[in-house]
Amino acid sequence: IPLSRRAGGIQAYKQIIPGNAHPPTPDRRSHEGYEWLYVLDGRLRLVLGEHDLVIPPGEAAEFDTRVPHWFGAAGREPVELLSLYGPQGERMHLRARSAPRATGRSGR
């Protein structure tokens, strides 16, 4: 499901990939670009180069799409994810503030 309305630049998608009782053989592809995946629900299997990873809900992966890759559900249950894809050289940046430090009564 495309979430972006403008042409060019970074494109956003929501994907729901059905689960599979028999894991498929990954058909890794490569192409120009950069991708960021965030798992909303289910577990995502990401084969990236020589790495075979399982990404749980609340976790993200970021990679150069020139590296051969494939992704799909990591089992029988579907996986729901957000995908941001941009042209080569354009990356997504996350900025997070660190949590304020709690001060105890000991004054340390």
PDB file of N, CA and C in Angstrom:
ATOM      1  N   ILE A   1       0.862  -1.166   0.000  1.00  0.00           N
ATOM      2  CA  ILE A   1       0.000   0.000   0.000  1.00  0.00           C
ATOM      3  C   ILE A   1       0.911   1.232   0.000  1.00  0.00           C
ATOM      4  N   PRO A   2       0.902   2.036  -1.051  1.00  0.00           N
ATOM      5  CA  PRO A   2       1.750   3.234  -1.067  1.00  0.00           C
ATOM      6  C   PRO A   2       1.230   4.275  -0.073  1.00  0.00           C
ATOM      7  N   LEU A   3       2.139   4.853   0.673  1.00  0.00           N
ATOM      8  CA  LEU A   3       1.781   5.893   1.643  1.00  0.00           C
ATOM      9  C   LEU A   3       2.262   7.266   1.196  1.00  0.00           C
ATOM     10  N   SER A   4       3.108   7.321   0.164  1.00  0.00           N
ATOM     11  CA  SER A   4       3.650   8.584  -0.343  1.00  0.00           C
ATOM     12  C   SER A   4       2.804   9.061  -1.508  1.00  0.00           C
ATOM     13  N   ARG A   5       2.642  10.359  -1.616  1.00  0.00           N
ATOM     14  CA  ARG A   5       1.860  10.921  -2.733  1.00  0.00           C
ATOM     15  C   ARG A   5       2.739  11.614  -3.761  1.00  0.00           C
ATOM     16  N   ARG A   6       3.924  12.048  -3.345  1.00  0.00           N
ATOM     17  CA  ARG A   6       4.762  12.791  -4.291  1.00  0.00           C
ATOM     18  C   ARG A   6       5.663  11.848  -5.068  1.00  0.00           C
ATOM     19  N   ALA A   7       5.942  12.215  -6.294  1.00  0.00           N
ATOM     20  CA  ALA A   7       6.833  11.418  -7.133  1.00  0.00           C
ATOM     21  C   ALA A   7       8.281  11.748  -6.787  1.00  0.00           C
ATOM     22  N   GLY A   8       9.147  10.753  -6.888  1.00  0.00           N
ATOM     23  CA  GLY A   8      10.564  10.970  -6.628  1.00  0.00           C
ATOM     24  C   GLY A   8      10.871  10.992  -5.143  1.00  0.00           C
ATOM     25  N   GLY A   9      12.152  11.003  -4.827  1.00  0.00           N
ATOM     26  CA  GLY A   9      12.572  11.044  -3.432  1.00  0.00           C
ATOM     27  C   GLY A   9      12.227   9.754  -2.693  1.00  0.00           C
ATOM     28  N   ILE A  10      12.155   9.851  -1.397  1.00  0.00           N
ATOM     29  CA  ILE A  10      11.860   8.687  -0.568  1.00  0.00           C
ATOM     30  C   ILE A  10      10.388   8.319  -0.686  1.00  0.00           C
ATOM     31  N   GLN A  11      10.124   7.033  -0.904  1.00  0.00           N
ATOM     32  CA  GLN A  11       8.766   6.509  -1.023  1.00  0.00           C
ATOM     33  C   GLN A  11       8.454   5.637   0.187  1.00  0.00           C
ATOM     34  N   ALA A  12       7.247   5.757   0.729  1.00  0.00           N
ATOM     35  CA  ALA A  12       6.828   4.984   1.902  1.00  0.00           C
ATOM     36  C   ALA A  12       5.729   3.998   1.507  1.00  0.00           C
ATOM     37  N   TYR A  13       5.810   2.790   2.069  1.00  0.00           N
ATOM     38  CA  TYR A  13       4.828   1.743   1.795  1.00  0.00           C
ATOM     39  C   TYR A  13       4.490   1.004   3.080  1.00  0.00           C
ATOM     40  N   LYS A  14       3.277   0.520   3.175  1.00  0.00           N
ATOM     41  CA  LYS A  14       2.898  -0.444   4.206  1.00  0.00           C
ATOM     42  C   LYS A  14       2.718  -1.762   3.473  1.00  0.00           C
ATOM     43  N   GLN A  15       3.336  -2.820   4.008  1.00  0.00           N
ATOM     44  CA  GLN A  15       3.246  -4.129   3.366  1.00  0.00           C
ATOM     45  C   GLN A  15       2.739  -5.159   4.360  1.00  0.00           C
ATOM     46  N   ILE A  16       1.927  -6.069   3.870  1.00  0.00           N
ATOM     47  CA  ILE A  16       1.506  -7.235   4.645  1.00  0.00           C
ATOM     48  C   ILE A  16       1.883  -8.441   3.793  1.00  0.00           C
ATOM     49  N   ILE A  17       2.805  -9.244   4.320  1.00  0.00           N
ATOM     50  CA  ILE A  17       3.300 -10.402   3.586  1.00  0.00           C
ATOM     51  C   ILE A  17       2.731 -11.647   4.251  1.00  0.00           C
ATOM     52  N   PRO A  18       2.006 -12.492   3.504  1.00  0.00           N
ATOM     53  CA  PRO A  18       1.420 -13.685   4.104  1.00  0.00           C
ATOM     54  C   PRO A  18       2.490 -14.643   4.620  1.00  0.00           C
ATOM     55  N   GLY A  19       2.126 -15.378   5.666  1.00  0.00           N
ATOM     56  CA  GLY A  19       3.014 -16.409   6.188  1.00  0.00           C
ATOM     57  C   GLY A  19       3.023 -17.615   5.270  1.00  0.00           C
ATOM     58  N   ASN A  20       3.921 -18.549   5.555  1.00  0.00           N
ATOM     59  CA  ASN A  20       4.051 -19.725   4.718  1.00  0.00           C
ATOM     60  C   ASN A  20       4.468 -20.901   5.587  1.00  0.00           C
ATOM     61  N   ALA A  21       3.751 -21.998   5.477  1.00  0.00           N
ATOM     62  CA  ALA A  21       4.086 -23.195   6.262  1.00  0.00           C
ATOM     63  C   ALA A  21       5.424 -23.778   5.830  1.00  0.00           C
ATOM     64  N   HIS A  22       5.782 -23.592   4.568  1.00  0.00           N
ATOM     65  CA  HIS A  22       7.050 -24.094   4.043  1.00  0.00           C
ATOM     66  C   HIS A  22       7.874 -22.898   3.586  1.00  0.00           C
ATOM     67  N   PRO A  23       8.943 -22.565   4.322  1.00  0.00           N
ATOM     68  CA  PRO A  23       9.735 -21.378   3.962  1.00  0.00           C
ATOM     69  C   PRO A  23      10.221 -21.431   2.517  1.00  0.00           C
ATOM     70  N   PRO A  24       9.989 -20.356   1.775  1.00  0.00           N
ATOM     71  CA  PRO A  24      10.447 -20.330   0.377  1.00  0.00           C
ATOM     72  C   PRO A  24      11.969 -20.201   0.315  1.00  0.00           C
ATOM     73  N   THR A  25      12.519 -20.591  -0.810  1.00  0.00           N
ATOM     74  CA  THR A  25      13.946 -20.371  -1.049  1.00  0.00           C
ATOM     75  C   THR A  25      14.106 -18.911  -1.452  1.00  0.00           C
ATOM     76  N   PRO A  26      14.882 -18.140  -0.670  1.00  0.00           N
ATOM     77  CA  PRO A  26      15.032 -16.711  -0.986  1.00  0.00           C
ATOM     78  C   PRO A  26      15.657 -16.488  -2.359  1.00  0.00           C
ATOM     79  N   ASP A  27      15.046 -15.618  -3.132  1.00  0.00           N
ATOM     80  CA  ASP A  27      15.553 -15.213  -4.438  1.00  0.00           C
ATOM     81  C   ASP A  27      16.082 -13.791  -4.264  1.00  0.00           C
ATOM     82  N   ARG A  28      17.348 -13.691  -3.860  1.00  0.00           N
ATOM     83  CA  ARG A  28      17.930 -12.382  -3.556  1.00  0.00           C
ATOM     84  C   ARG A  28      18.103 -11.547  -4.818  1.00  0.00           C
ATOM     85  N   ARG A  29      17.739 -10.281  -4.695  1.00  0.00           N
ATOM     86  CA  ARG A  29      17.858  -9.319  -5.796  1.00  0.00           C
ATOM     87  C   ARG A  29      18.673  -8.126  -5.319  1.00  0.00           C
ATOM     88  N   SER A  30      19.239  -7.391  -6.249  1.00  0.00           N
ATOM     89  CA  SER A  30      19.927  -6.148  -5.915  1.00  0.00           C
ATOM     90  C   SER A  30      19.533  -5.091  -6.941  1.00  0.00           C
ATOM     91  N   HIS A  31      19.557  -3.854  -6.509  1.00  0.00           N
ATOM     92  CA  HIS A  31      19.199  -2.730  -7.371  1.00  0.00           C
ATOM     93  C   HIS A  31      19.691  -1.455  -6.697  1.00  0.00           C
ATOM     94  N   GLU A  32      19.697  -0.375  -7.411  1.00  0.00           N
ATOM     95  CA  GLU A  32      20.107   0.905  -6.848  1.00  0.00           C
ATOM     96  C   GLU A  32      19.106   1.345  -5.793  1.00  0.00           C
ATOM     97  N   GLY A  33      19.593   1.930  -4.722  1.00  0.00           N
ATOM     98  CA  GLY A  33      18.708   2.500  -3.724  1.00  0.00           C
ATOM     99  C   GLY A  33      19.120   2.173  -2.304  1.00  0.00           C
ATOM    100  N   TYR A  34      18.284   2.599  -1.395  1.00  0.00           N
ATOM    101  CA  TYR A  34      18.501   2.405   0.029  1.00  0.00           C
ATOM    102  C   TYR A  34      17.144   2.132   0.647  1.00  0.00           C
ATOM    103  N   GLU A  35      17.057   1.151   1.571  1.00  0.00           N
ATOM    104  CA  GLU A  35      15.764   0.770   2.132  1.00  0.00           C
ATOM    105  C   GLU A  35      15.830   0.702   3.645  1.00  0.00           C
ATOM    106  N   TRP A  36      14.722   1.046   4.271  1.00  0.00           N
ATOM    107  CA  TRP A  36      14.542   0.999   5.716  1.00  0.00           C
ATOM    108  C   TRP A  36      13.242   0.246   5.965  1.00  0.00           C
ATOM    109  N   LEU A  37      13.302  -0.804   6.780  1.00  0.00           N
ATOM    110  CA  LEU A  37      12.130  -1.625   7.093  1.00  0.00           C
ATOM    111  C   LEU A  37      11.854  -1.569   8.581  1.00  0.00           C
ATOM    112  N   TYR A  38      10.590  -1.401   8.964  1.00  0.00           N
ATOM    113  CA  TYR A  38      10.189  -1.387  10.370  1.00  0.00           C
ATOM    114  C   TYR A  38       9.047  -2.388  10.533  1.00  0.00           C
ATOM    115  N   VAL A  39       9.219  -3.375  11.418  1.00  0.00           N
ATOM    116  CA  VAL A  39       8.224  -4.430  11.602  1.00  0.00           C
ATOM    117  C   VAL A  39       7.159  -3.973  12.604  1.00  0.00           C
ATOM    118  N   LEU A  40       5.909  -3.949  12.144  1.00  0.00           N
ATOM    119  CA  LEU A  40       4.775  -3.577  12.995  1.00  0.00           C
ATOM    120  C   LEU A  40       4.224  -4.788  13.747  1.00  0.00           C
ATOM    121  N   ASP A  41       4.075  -5.909  13.040  1.00  0.00           N
ATOM    122  CA  ASP A  41       3.488  -7.112  13.630  1.00  0.00           C
ATOM    123  C   ASP A  41       4.025  -8.334  12.893  1.00  0.00           C
ATOM    124  N   GLY A  42       4.165  -9.436  13.601  1.00  0.00           N
ATOM    125  CA  GLY A  42       4.727 -10.647  13.005  1.00  0.00           C
ATOM    126  C   GLY A  42       6.241 -10.591  13.052  1.00  0.00           C
ATOM    127  N   ARG A  43       6.866 -11.502  12.336  1.00  0.00           N
ATOM    128  CA  ARG A  43       8.327 -11.562  12.293  1.00  0.00           C
ATOM    129  C   ARG A  43       8.776 -11.574  10.843  1.00  0.00           C
ATOM    130  N   LEU A  44       9.756 -10.741  10.533  1.00  0.00           N
ATOM    131  CA  LEU A  44      10.263 -10.583   9.174  1.00  0.00           C
ATOM    132  C   LEU A  44      11.571 -11.345   9.030  1.00  0.00           C
ATOM    133  N   ARG A  45      11.659 -12.160   7.983  1.00  0.00           N
ATOM    134  CA  ARG A  45      12.937 -12.794   7.647  1.00  0.00           C
ATOM    135  C   ARG A  45      13.585 -11.934   6.581  1.00  0.00           C
ATOM    136  N   LEU A  46      14.811 -11.498   6.858  1.00  0.00           N
ATOM    137  CA  LEU A  46      15.579 -10.678   5.922  1.00  0.00           C
ATOM    138  C   LEU A  46      16.866 -11.422   5.604  1.00  0.00           C
ATOM    139  N   VAL A  47      17.047 -11.746   4.337  1.00  0.00           N
ATOM    140  CA  VAL A  47      18.301 -12.325   3.867  1.00  0.00           C
ATOM    141  C   VAL A  47      19.028 -11.187   3.170  1.00  0.00           C
ATOM    142  N   LEU A  48      20.164 -10.800   3.736  1.00  0.00           N
ATOM    143  CA  LEU A  48      20.917  -9.634   3.272  1.00  0.00           C
ATOM    144  C   LEU A  48      22.370 -10.062   3.085  1.00  0.00           C
ATOM    145  N   GLY A  49      22.787 -10.161   1.832  1.00  0.00           N
ATOM    146  CA  GLY A  49      24.128 -10.685   1.566  1.00  0.00           C
ATOM    147  C   GLY A  49      24.208 -12.111   2.091  1.00  0.00           C
ATOM    148  N   GLU A  50      25.148 -12.374   2.963  1.00  0.00           N
ATOM    149  CA  GLU A  50      25.317 -13.705   3.546  1.00  0.00           C
ATOM    150  C   GLU A  50      24.611 -13.840   4.890  1.00  0.00           C
ATOM    151  N   HIS A  51      23.904 -12.812   5.328  1.00  0.00           N
ATOM    152  CA  HIS A  51      23.232 -12.817   6.625  1.00  0.00           C
ATOM    153  C   HIS A  51      21.771 -13.226   6.470  1.00  0.00           C
ATOM    154  N   ASP A  52      21.299 -14.076   7.382  1.00  0.00           N
ATOM    155  CA  ASP A  52      19.905 -14.523   7.408  1.00  0.00           C
ATOM    156  C   ASP A  52      19.356 -14.112   8.770  1.00  0.00           C
ATOM    157  N   LEU A  53      18.517 -13.072   8.796  1.00  0.00           N
ATOM    158  CA  LEU A  53      18.069 -12.451  10.038  1.00  0.00           C
ATOM    159  C   LEU A  53      16.567 -12.591  10.227  1.00  0.00           C
ATOM    160  N   VAL A  54      16.124 -12.625  11.484  1.00  0.00           N
ATOM    161  CA  VAL A  54      14.701 -12.564  11.810  1.00  0.00           C
ATOM    162  C   VAL A  54      14.507 -11.313  12.654  1.00  0.00           C
ATOM    163  N   ILE A  55      13.615 -10.443  12.189  1.00  0.00           N
ATOM    164  CA  ILE A  55      13.393  -9.150  12.841  1.00  0.00           C
ATOM    165  C   ILE A  55      12.010  -9.158  13.479  1.00  0.00           C
ATOM    166  N   PRO A  56      11.948  -8.955  14.817  1.00  0.00           N
ATOM    167  CA  PRO A  56      10.668  -8.978  15.529  1.00  0.00           C
ATOM    168  C   PRO A  56       9.963  -7.623  15.474  1.00  0.00           C
ATOM    169  N   PRO A  57       8.708  -7.565  15.938  1.00  0.00           N
ATOM    170  CA  PRO A  57       7.981  -6.292  15.974  1.00  0.00           C
ATOM    171  C   PRO A  57       8.741  -5.250  16.793  1.00  0.00           C
ATOM    172  N   GLY A  58       8.696  -4.015  16.302  1.00  0.00           N
ATOM    173  CA  GLY A  58       9.349  -2.913  16.994  1.00  0.00           C
ATOM    174  C   GLY A  58      10.802  -2.727  16.613  1.00  0.00           C
ATOM    175  N   GLU A  59      11.328  -3.592  15.766  1.00  0.00           N
ATOM    176  CA  GLU A  59      12.720  -3.491  15.328  1.00  0.00           C
ATOM    177  C   GLU A  59      12.764  -3.041  13.869  1.00  0.00           C
ATOM    178  N   ALA A  60      13.921  -2.512  13.463  1.00  0.00           N
ATOM    179  CA  ALA A  60      14.080  -1.990  12.108  1.00  0.00           C
ATOM    180  C   ALA A  60      15.373  -2.507  11.489  1.00  0.00           C
ATOM    181  N   ALA A  61      15.426  -2.468  10.167  1.00  0.00           N
ATOM    182  CA  ALA A  61      16.636  -2.791   9.410  1.00  0.00           C
ATOM    183  C   ALA A  61      16.808  -1.710   8.354  1.00  0.00           C
ATOM    184  N   GLU A  62      18.054  -1.379   8.083  1.00  0.00           N
ATOM    185  CA  GLU A  62      18.385  -0.353   7.104  1.00  0.00           C
ATOM    186  C   GLU A  62      19.521  -0.898   6.256  1.00  0.00           C
ATOM    187  N   PHE A  63      19.420  -0.797   4.930  1.00  0.00           N
ATOM    188  CA  PHE A  63      20.471  -1.370   4.095  1.00  0.00           C
ATOM    189  C   PHE A  63      20.518  -0.747   2.709  1.00  0.00           C
ATOM    190  N   ASP A  64      21.675  -0.877   2.108  1.00  0.00           N
ATOM    191  CA  ASP A  64      21.935  -0.473   0.733  1.00  0.00           C
ATOM    192  C   ASP A  64      21.380  -1.581  -0.157  1.00  0.00           C
ATOM    193  N   THR A  65      20.480  -1.249  -1.057  1.00  0.00           N
ATOM    194  CA  THR A  65      19.819  -2.271  -1.876  1.00  0.00           C
ATOM    195  C   THR A  65      20.713  -2.828  -2.985  1.00  0.00           C
ATOM    196  N   ARG A  66      21.944  -2.321  -3.103  1.00  0.00           N
ATOM    197  CA  ARG A  66      22.895  -2.937  -4.027  1.00  0.00           C
ATOM    198  C   ARG A  66      23.405  -4.265  -3.462  1.00  0.00           C
ATOM    199  N   VAL A  67      23.236  -4.468  -2.132  1.00  0.00           N
ATOM    200  CA  VAL A  67      23.563  -5.752  -1.507  1.00  0.00           C
ATOM    201  C   VAL A  67      22.415  -6.701  -1.835  1.00  0.00           C
ATOM    202  N   PRO A  68      22.698  -7.884  -2.381  1.00  0.00           N
ATOM    203  CA  PRO A  68      21.611  -8.823  -2.705  1.00  0.00           C
ATOM    204  C   PRO A  68      20.753  -9.094  -1.460  1.00  0.00           C
ATOM    205  N   HIS A  69      19.430  -8.993  -1.623  1.00  0.00           N
ATOM    206  CA  HIS A  69      18.533  -9.114  -0.475  1.00  0.00           C
ATOM    207  C   HIS A  69      17.204  -9.735  -0.874  1.00  0.00           C
ATOM    208  N   TRP A  70      16.513 -10.230   0.145  1.00  0.00           N
ATOM    209  CA  TRP A  70      15.171 -10.795   0.016  1.00  0.00           C
ATOM    210  C   TRP A  70      14.527 -10.685   1.386  1.00  0.00           C
ATOM    211  N   PHE A  71      13.211 -10.451   1.427  1.00  0.00           N
ATOM    212  CA  PHE A  71      12.524 -10.507   2.720  1.00  0.00           C
ATOM    213  C   PHE A  71      11.127 -11.069   2.561  1.00  0.00           C
ATOM    214  N   GLY A  72      10.650 -11.686   3.645  1.00  0.00           N
ATOM    215  CA  GLY A  72       9.331 -12.300   3.670  1.00  0.00           C
ATOM    216  C   GLY A  72       8.971 -12.641   5.101  1.00  0.00           C
ATOM    217  N   ALA A  73       7.830 -13.250   5.292  1.00  0.00           N
ATOM    218  CA  ALA A  73       7.399 -13.659   6.634  1.00  0.00           C
ATOM    219  C   ALA A  73       8.340 -14.753   7.136  1.00  0.00           C
ATOM    220  N   ALA A  74       8.578 -14.744   8.443  1.00  0.00           N
ATOM    221  CA  ALA A  74       9.499 -15.715   9.052  1.00  0.00           C
ATOM    222  C   ALA A  74       8.745 -16.899   9.628  1.00  0.00           C
ATOM    223  N   GLY A  75       7.727 -17.367   8.971  1.00  0.00           N
ATOM    224  CA  GLY A  75       6.974 -18.516   9.461  1.00  0.00           C
ATOM    225  C   GLY A  75       5.552 -18.523   8.930  1.00  0.00           C
ATOM    226  N   ARG A  76       4.679 -19.174   9.682  1.00  0.00           N
ATOM    227  CA  ARG A  76       3.285 -19.349   9.247  1.00  0.00           C
ATOM    228  C   ARG A  76       2.443 -18.079   9.361  1.00  0.00           C
ATOM    229  N   GLU A  77       2.826 -17.184  10.259  1.00  0.00           N
ATOM    230  CA  GLU A  77       2.052 -15.958  10.486  1.00  0.00           C
ATOM    231  C   GLU A  77       2.477 -14.857   9.520  1.00  0.00           C
ATOM    232  N   PRO A  78       1.532 -13.997   9.103  1.00  0.00           N
ATOM    233  CA  PRO A  78       1.909 -12.877   8.226  1.00  0.00           C
ATOM    234  C   PRO A  78       2.775 -11.868   8.974  1.00  0.00           C
ATOM    235  N   VAL A  79       3.475 -11.062   8.222  1.00  0.00           N
ATOM    236  CA  VAL A  79       4.266  -9.974   8.794  1.00  0.00           C
ATOM    237  C   VAL A  79       3.756  -8.665   8.195  1.00  0.00           C
ATOM    238  N   GLU A  80       3.605  -7.670   9.054  1.00  0.00           N
ATOM    239  CA  GLU A  80       3.147  -6.338   8.644  1.00  0.00           C
ATOM    240  C   GLU A  80       4.306  -5.375   8.888  1.00  0.00           C
ATOM    241  N   LEU A  81       4.663  -4.598   7.874  1.00  0.00           N
ATOM    242  CA  LEU A  81       5.819  -3.724   8.012  1.00  0.00           C
ATOM    243  C   LEU A  81       5.648  -2.427   7.251  1.00  0.00           C
ATOM    244  N   LEU A  82       6.452  -1.462   7.644  1.00  0.00           N
ATOM    245  CA  LEU A  82       6.571  -0.205   6.912  1.00  0.00           C
ATOM    246  C   LEU A  82       7.895  -0.246   6.174  1.00  0.00           C
ATOM    247  N   SER A  83       7.893   0.241   4.949  1.00  0.00           N
ATOM    248  CA  SER A  83       9.093   0.253   4.127  1.00  0.00           C
ATOM    249  C   SER A  83       9.292   1.657   3.583  1.00  0.00           C
ATOM    250  N   LEU A  84      10.498   2.176   3.748  1.00  0.00           N
ATOM    251  CA  LEU A  84      10.878   3.441   3.140  1.00  0.00           C
ATOM    252  C   LEU A  84      11.986   3.138   2.150  1.00  0.00           C
ATOM    253  N   TYR A  85      11.804   3.582   0.930  1.00  0.00           N
ATOM    254  CA  TYR A  85      12.777   3.320  -0.123  1.00  0.00           C
ATOM    255  C   TYR A  85      13.178   4.630  -0.760  1.00  0.00           C
ATOM    256  N   GLY A  86      14.485   4.818  -0.910  1.00  0.00           N
ATOM    257  CA  GLY A  86      14.972   6.037  -1.531  1.00  0.00           C
ATOM    258  C   GLY A  86      16.040   5.748  -2.568  1.00  0.00           C
ATOM    259  N   PRO A  87      16.282   6.708  -3.442  1.00  0.00           N
ATOM    260  CA  PRO A  87      17.335   6.548  -4.447  1.00  0.00           C
ATOM    261  C   PRO A  87      18.702   6.427  -3.774  1.00  0.00           C
ATOM    262  N   GLN A  88      19.665   5.905  -4.519  1.00  0.00           N
ATOM    263  CA  GLN A  88      21.014   5.728  -4.005  1.00  0.00           C
ATOM    264  C   GLN A  88      21.552   7.054  -3.474  1.00  0.00           C
ATOM    265  N   GLY A  89      22.177   7.009  -2.323  1.00  0.00           N
ATOM    266  CA  GLY A  89      22.750   8.201  -1.727  1.00  0.00           C
ATOM    267  C   GLY A  89      21.792   8.962  -0.836  1.00  0.00           C
ATOM    268  N   GLU A  90      20.517   8.636  -0.859  1.00  0.00           N
ATOM    269  CA  GLU A  90      19.536   9.306  -0.009  1.00  0.00           C
ATOM    270  C   GLU A  90      19.148   8.347   1.101  1.00  0.00           C
ATOM    271  N   ARG A  91      19.441   8.729   2.339  1.00  0.00           N
ATOM    272  CA  ARG A  91      19.187   7.847   3.480  1.00  0.00           C
ATOM    273  C   ARG A  91      18.188   8.480   4.430  1.00  0.00           C
ATOM    274  N   MET A  92      17.536   7.608   5.207  1.00  0.00           N
ATOM    275  CA  MET A  92      16.629   8.071   6.235  1.00  0.00           C
ATOM    276  C   MET A  92      17.450   8.294   7.501  1.00  0.00           C
ATOM    277  N   HIS A  93      17.087   9.287   8.272  1.00  0.00           N
ATOM    278  CA  HIS A  93      17.799   9.557   9.516  1.00  0.00           C
ATOM    279  C   HIS A  93      16.800   9.597  10.659  1.00  0.00           C
ATOM    280  N   LEU A  94      17.135   8.895  11.720  1.00  0.00           N
ATOM    281  CA  LEU A  94      16.324   8.921  12.932  1.00  0.00           C
ATOM    282  C   LEU A  94      17.041   9.784  13.947  1.00  0.00           C
ATOM    283  N   ARG A  95      16.311  10.651  14.550  1.00  0.00           N
ATOM    284  CA  ARG A  95      16.887  11.468  15.611  1.00  0.00           C
ATOM    285  C   ARG A  95      16.071  11.219  16.864  1.00  0.00           C
ATOM    286  N   ALA A  96      16.755  10.866  17.911  1.00  0.00           N
ATOM    287  CA  ALA A  96      16.072  10.572  19.167  1.00  0.00           C
ATOM    288  C   ALA A  96      16.777  11.298  20.292  1.00  0.00           C
ATOM    289  N   ARG A  97      15.997  11.815  21.183  1.00  0.00           N
ATOM    290  CA  ARG A  97      16.566  12.433  22.375  1.00  0.00           C
ATOM    291  C   ARG A  97      16.822  11.356  23.402  1.00  0.00           C
ATOM    292  N   SER A  98      17.887  11.529  24.141  1.00  0.00           N
ATOM    293  CA  SER A  98      18.133  10.572  25.208  1.00  0.00           C
ATOM    294  C   SER A  98      17.175  10.880  26.348  1.00  0.00           C
ATOM    295  N   ALA A  99      16.805   9.847  27.084  1.00  0.00           N
ATOM    296  CA  ALA A  99      15.880   9.998  28.203  1.00  0.00           C
ATOM    297  C   ALA A  99      16.547  10.809  29.302  1.00  0.00           C
ATOM    298  N   PRO A 100      15.791  11.676  29.968  1.00  0.00           N
ATOM    299  CA  PRO A 100      16.382  12.429  31.061  1.00  0.00           C
ATOM    300  C   PRO A 100      16.821  11.477  32.172  1.00  0.00           C
ATOM    301  N   ARG A 101      17.928  11.802  32.779  1.00  0.00           N
ATOM    302  CA  ARG A 101      18.448  10.952  33.846  1.00  0.00           C
ATOM    303  C   ARG A 101      17.633  11.166  35.108  1.00  0.00           C
ATOM    304  N   ALA A 102      17.260  10.061  35.718  1.00  0.00           N
ATOM    305  CA  ALA A 102      16.522  10.123  36.990  1.00  0.00           C
ATOM    306  C   ALA A 102      17.512  10.434  38.097  1.00  0.00           C
ATOM    307  N   THR A 103      17.143  11.316  38.960  1.00  0.00           N
ATOM    308  CA  THR A 103      18.009  11.616  40.103  1.00  0.00           C
ATOM    309  C   THR A 103      17.408  11.026  41.357  1.00  0.00           C
ATOM    310  N   GLY A 104      18.211  10.285  42.044  1.00  0.00           N
ATOM    311  CA  GLY A 104      17.756   9.644  43.279  1.00  0.00           C
ATOM    312  C   GLY A 104      17.974  10.549  44.460  1.00  0.00           C
ATOM    313  N   ARG A 105      17.523  10.129  45.615  1.00  0.00           N
ATOM    314  CA  ARG A 105      17.667  10.932  46.818  1.00  0.00           C
ATOM    315  C   ARG A 105      19.093  10.955  47.324  1.00  0.00           C
ATOM    316  N   SER A 106      19.958  10.063  46.815  1.00  0.00           N
ATOM    317  CA  SER A 106      21.325  10.022  47.294  1.00  0.00           C
ATOM    318  C   SER A 106      22.160  11.166  46.710  1.00  0.00           C
ATOM    319  N   GLY A 107      21.630  11.862  45.704  1.00  0.00           N
ATOM    320  CA  GLY A 107      22.320  13.013  45.139  1.00  0.00           C
ATOM    321  C   GLY A 107      23.415  12.646  44.159  1.00  0.00           C
ATOM    322  N   ARG A 108      23.525  11.401  43.770  1.00  0.00           N
ATOM    323  CA  ARG A 108      24.551  11.014  42.800  1.00  0.00           C
ATOM    324  C   ARG A 108      24.139  11.310  41.406  1.00  0.00           C
TER     325      ARG A 108
END
